[in-house]
Protein backbone atom coordinates (compact mmCIF):
# COMPACT_ATOMS: atom_id res chain seq x y z
CA MET A 1 60.23 183.68 42.18
CA ARG A 2 58.34 180.39 42.41
CA ALA A 3 56.11 178.65 39.88
CA VAL A 4 53.20 176.23 40.25
CA ARG A 5 50.74 174.42 38.02
CA VAL A 6 47.13 174.04 39.18
CA GLU A 7 44.90 171.44 37.50
CA CYS A 8 41.12 171.03 37.68
CA SER A 9 39.20 168.29 35.90
CA ILE A 10 36.18 169.16 33.78
CA PRO A 11 33.70 167.06 35.84
CA SER A 12 34.61 169.23 38.84
CA ILE A 13 33.90 172.55 37.09
CA GLU A 14 31.49 171.74 34.23
CA HIS A 15 28.55 173.21 36.17
CA ASP A 16 30.13 176.68 35.89
CA GLN A 17 28.40 178.78 33.22
CA ARG A 18 31.75 180.26 32.14
CA VAL A 19 33.20 176.81 31.56
CA GLN A 20 30.09 175.71 29.65
CA ALA A 21 30.37 178.73 27.36
CA ALA A 22 34.12 178.29 26.87
CA LEU A 23 33.86 174.58 26.01
CA ARG A 24 31.88 175.38 22.89
CA ALA A 25 35.37 176.01 21.53
CA VAL A 26 38.16 173.43 21.27
CA SER A 27 40.46 175.32 23.62
CA TRP A 28 41.41 178.63 25.19
CA ASP A 29 45.16 179.15 25.49
CA TYR A 30 46.66 182.04 27.46
CA ARG A 31 49.18 184.12 25.49
CA GLY A 32 50.05 187.05 27.76
CA ILE A 33 48.94 189.89 30.05
CA LEU A 34 48.04 193.05 28.13
CA ASP A 35 47.21 195.59 30.82
CA GLN A 36 45.39 196.47 34.03
CA ILE A 37 42.65 199.05 33.59
CA ASP A 38 40.69 200.45 36.55
CA GLY A 39 41.49 197.32 38.54
CA ARG A 40 40.50 194.92 35.78
CA LEU A 41 43.00 192.48 34.28
CA ARG A 42 43.22 192.31 30.48
CA VAL A 43 44.88 189.27 28.89
CA MET A 44 45.40 187.87 25.40
CA CYS A 45 44.13 184.36 24.64
CA GLU A 46 43.95 182.17 21.57
CA CYS A 47 40.52 180.62 21.14
CA ILE A 48 40.40 177.65 18.75
CA THR A 49 37.09 176.59 17.21
CA THR A 50 35.88 174.10 14.62
CA ASP A 51 32.96 176.21 13.38
CA GLY A 52 34.49 179.70 13.50
CA ASN A 53 32.05 180.82 16.19
CA CYS A 54 34.04 182.61 18.88
CA PRO A 55 32.18 184.76 21.45
CA PRO A 56 31.95 188.27 19.90
CA SER A 57 33.31 191.54 21.23
CA GLY A 58 31.18 192.71 24.16
CA PHE A 59 30.18 189.19 25.24
CA THR A 60 30.18 189.04 29.06
CA ILE A 61 29.72 186.11 31.42
CA GLY A 62 30.52 185.70 35.11
CA GLY A 63 32.98 188.57 35.39
CA ILE A 64 34.77 187.87 32.08
CA THR A 65 34.32 190.09 29.01
CA VAL A 66 35.47 189.61 25.43
CA VAL A 67 36.94 193.04 24.71
CA GLU A 68 38.03 192.51 21.12
CA ILE A 69 38.78 189.87 18.50
CA LEU A 70 42.26 190.99 17.50
CA GLU A 71 42.86 188.61 14.62
CA GLU A 72 41.51 185.41 13.04
CA TRP A 73 43.05 182.76 10.80
CA THR A 74 42.31 179.21 9.70
CA THR A 75 44.39 176.02 9.60
CA GLU A 76 42.83 172.97 7.97
CA TYR A 77 39.58 172.39 9.92
CA LEU A 78 40.23 174.84 12.73
CA THR A 79 39.78 178.59 13.16
CA HIS A 80 42.10 180.48 15.50
CA HIS A 81 40.88 183.66 17.19
CA LEU A 82 43.30 185.97 18.99
CA VAL A 83 41.13 187.45 21.72
CA SER A 84 41.48 190.21 24.30
CA LEU A 85 39.72 189.15 27.54
CA GLU A 86 39.05 191.26 30.62
CA PHE A 87 38.61 189.88 34.15
CA GLU A 88 36.83 191.90 36.84
CA GLU A 89 38.88 192.99 39.82
CA GLU A 90 36.98 190.98 42.43
CA MET A 91 37.22 187.81 40.34
CA VAL A 92 40.97 187.54 39.80
CA ALA A 93 42.55 190.86 38.81
CA HIS A 94 43.34 192.02 42.36
CA PHE A 95 45.87 189.20 42.76
CA PHE A 96 48.04 190.79 40.07
CA GLN A 97 47.92 194.41 41.22
CA SER A 98 51.01 194.06 43.42
CA ARG A 99 53.08 193.18 40.30
CA ASP A 100 54.68 190.20 42.06
CA LEU A 101 52.51 187.48 40.50
CA THR A 102 52.05 186.57 36.84
CA LEU A 103 50.34 183.98 34.66
CA LEU A 104 52.59 181.69 32.66
CA ALA A 105 52.34 180.09 29.22
CA GLY A 106 50.64 176.71 29.53
CA THR A 107 47.55 178.18 31.20
CA ASN A 108 44.56 176.85 29.25
CA LEU A 109 41.05 175.43 29.26
CA THR A 110 40.23 172.37 27.15
CA SER A 111 37.93 169.35 27.35
CA ASN A 112 40.65 167.75 29.49
CA GLY A 113 40.36 170.40 32.19
CA LEU A 114 41.56 173.77 33.43
CA VAL A 115 45.29 174.39 33.87
CA ILE A 116 46.58 177.54 35.59
CA GLN A 117 50.33 178.17 35.69
CA VAL A 118 51.61 181.07 37.75
CA ALA A 119 54.90 182.38 39.10
CA GLY A 120 55.54 184.92 41.82
CA ARG A 121 56.42 185.82 45.38
CA GLN A 122 55.63 183.06 47.87
CA SER A 123 53.17 185.08 49.94
CA SER A 124 51.21 186.13 46.86
CA MET A 125 51.22 182.56 45.56
CA VAL A 126 49.81 181.26 48.84
CA ASN A 127 46.97 183.80 48.77
CA PHE A 128 46.22 183.04 45.12
CA LEU A 129 46.21 179.25 45.62
CA ARG A 130 44.01 179.55 48.70
CA ALA A 131 41.47 181.59 46.73
CA VAL A 132 41.53 179.12 43.82
CA ARG A 133 40.90 176.19 46.19
CA GLU A 134 37.97 178.05 47.76
CA ALA A 135 36.47 178.86 44.34
CA ILE A 136 36.86 175.56 42.46
CA PRO A 137 37.78 171.92 43.22
CA VAL A 138 41.51 171.49 42.57
CA GLU A 139 42.72 168.06 41.52
CA ARG A 140 46.45 168.65 41.68
CA ILE A 141 49.09 171.32 42.32
CA THR A 142 52.59 170.79 40.92
CA SER A 143 55.55 172.94 41.95
CA ALA A 144 58.46 173.86 39.71
CA LYS A 145 61.42 171.52 40.17
CA SER A 146 64.72 173.41 40.30
CA SER A 147 66.01 174.28 36.83
CA GLU A 148 63.56 171.95 35.08
CA GLY A 149 60.65 174.32 35.58
CA ILE A 150 57.14 172.92 35.89
CA VAL A 151 57.47 169.33 34.74
CA GLN A 152 54.50 167.03 34.20
CA GLN A 153 55.26 163.99 36.38
CA GLY A 154 53.19 161.09 37.63
CA PRO A 155 49.63 160.25 36.53
CA THR A 156 47.73 162.43 34.07
CA LEU A 157 44.80 164.49 35.34
CA GLN A 158 42.29 161.81 34.26
CA GLN A 159 44.38 159.05 35.84
CA HIS A 160 44.68 161.09 39.03
CA ARG A 161 40.90 161.48 39.15
CA ILE A 162 40.33 157.75 38.60
CA ILE A 163 42.86 156.57 41.17
CA LYS A 164 41.64 159.12 43.72
CA LEU A 165 38.05 157.91 43.38
CA ALA A 166 39.21 154.27 43.47
CA HIS A 167 41.05 154.87 46.73
CA ARG A 168 38.09 156.69 48.29
CA ASN A 169 35.75 153.83 47.41
CA GLY A 170 37.86 150.97 48.75
CA TRP A 171 39.49 149.64 45.59
CA TYR A 172 42.77 149.14 47.44
CA GLU A 173 41.26 147.52 50.52
CA VAL A 174 41.28 143.75 51.09
CA PRO A 175 38.80 142.57 50.04
CA LYS A 176 37.97 145.27 47.50
CA LYS A 177 34.83 147.27 48.32
CA ILE A 178 34.13 148.27 44.72
CA SER A 179 34.48 146.65 41.31
CA ILE A 180 35.74 148.01 38.00
CA ARG A 181 32.10 148.14 36.92
CA GLY A 182 31.27 150.24 39.98
CA LEU A 183 34.15 152.62 39.36
CA ALA A 184 33.22 152.94 35.69
CA SER A 185 29.64 153.78 36.63
CA LYS A 186 30.72 156.49 39.08
CA LEU A 187 33.15 157.98 36.56
CA GLY A 188 30.90 157.74 33.52
CA LEU A 189 33.61 155.81 31.63
CA SER A 190 33.87 152.36 30.09
CA LYS A 191 35.25 149.48 32.18
CA SER A 192 38.16 149.02 29.77
CA THR A 193 39.14 152.70 30.02
CA VAL A 194 39.05 152.65 33.83
CA ALA A 195 41.08 149.41 33.99
CA GLU A 196 43.68 150.71 31.52
CA GLN A 197 44.05 154.10 33.21
CA LEU A 198 44.31 152.51 36.65
CA VAL A 199 47.21 150.32 35.51
CA LYS A 200 48.97 153.29 33.88
CA ALA A 201 48.48 155.48 36.96
CA GLU A 202 49.74 152.76 39.29
CA SER A 203 52.77 152.23 37.03
CA GLU A 204 53.62 155.96 37.19
CA ILE A 205 53.27 156.04 40.97
CA VAL A 206 55.35 152.90 41.54
CA GLY A 207 57.97 154.12 39.06
CA GLY A 208 58.22 157.43 40.87
CA PHE A 209 58.47 155.69 44.23
CA LEU A 210 61.29 153.43 43.04
CA GLU A 211 63.09 156.37 41.43
CA ASN A 212 62.97 158.37 44.67
CA SER A 213 64.08 155.41 46.80
CA ARG A 214 67.37 154.89 44.95
């Protein structure tokens, strides 16, 4: 069985009505698969909100339905909602009907982006990843590393997005074809944030290169 982590940044998927609805909450964290009913996949998620307003039972959007709010509790300023969600067969459920592919803990949607972690047979993984790439822009795919499992290595998702755009726009050419101001404008971030994240991303990449060249 293999495992991979798929990451998508919010700017790449924020146009999706399902993402827009979900981001009214702080986060959606996958907790486990509950069942498959008539081809539909039912999963348990924890929805965290600041105002207590979680989509109610029966709410449907883009092939996803809130089946039931199983439980709710509060911690300080946050409300936690344990939710049963159902995905239509043609959307995602059919990938799990063969029982050789499963979602893993760590799958979530937050303001930082969408993370999907799955494990399964190689052929099923390839089909699943191909479908994901066709449906949404994927920023990065990380494979499990031996006994360490899926380990977060290298630049963060935001850093990856910044350095990718910098490379595409000639930041690393001589002379440079774009300035920090230009990158910041394209990214919708401050110049200081772009400069700081570029340095951190470059440090991670160089560190990884040196580590692998020992």
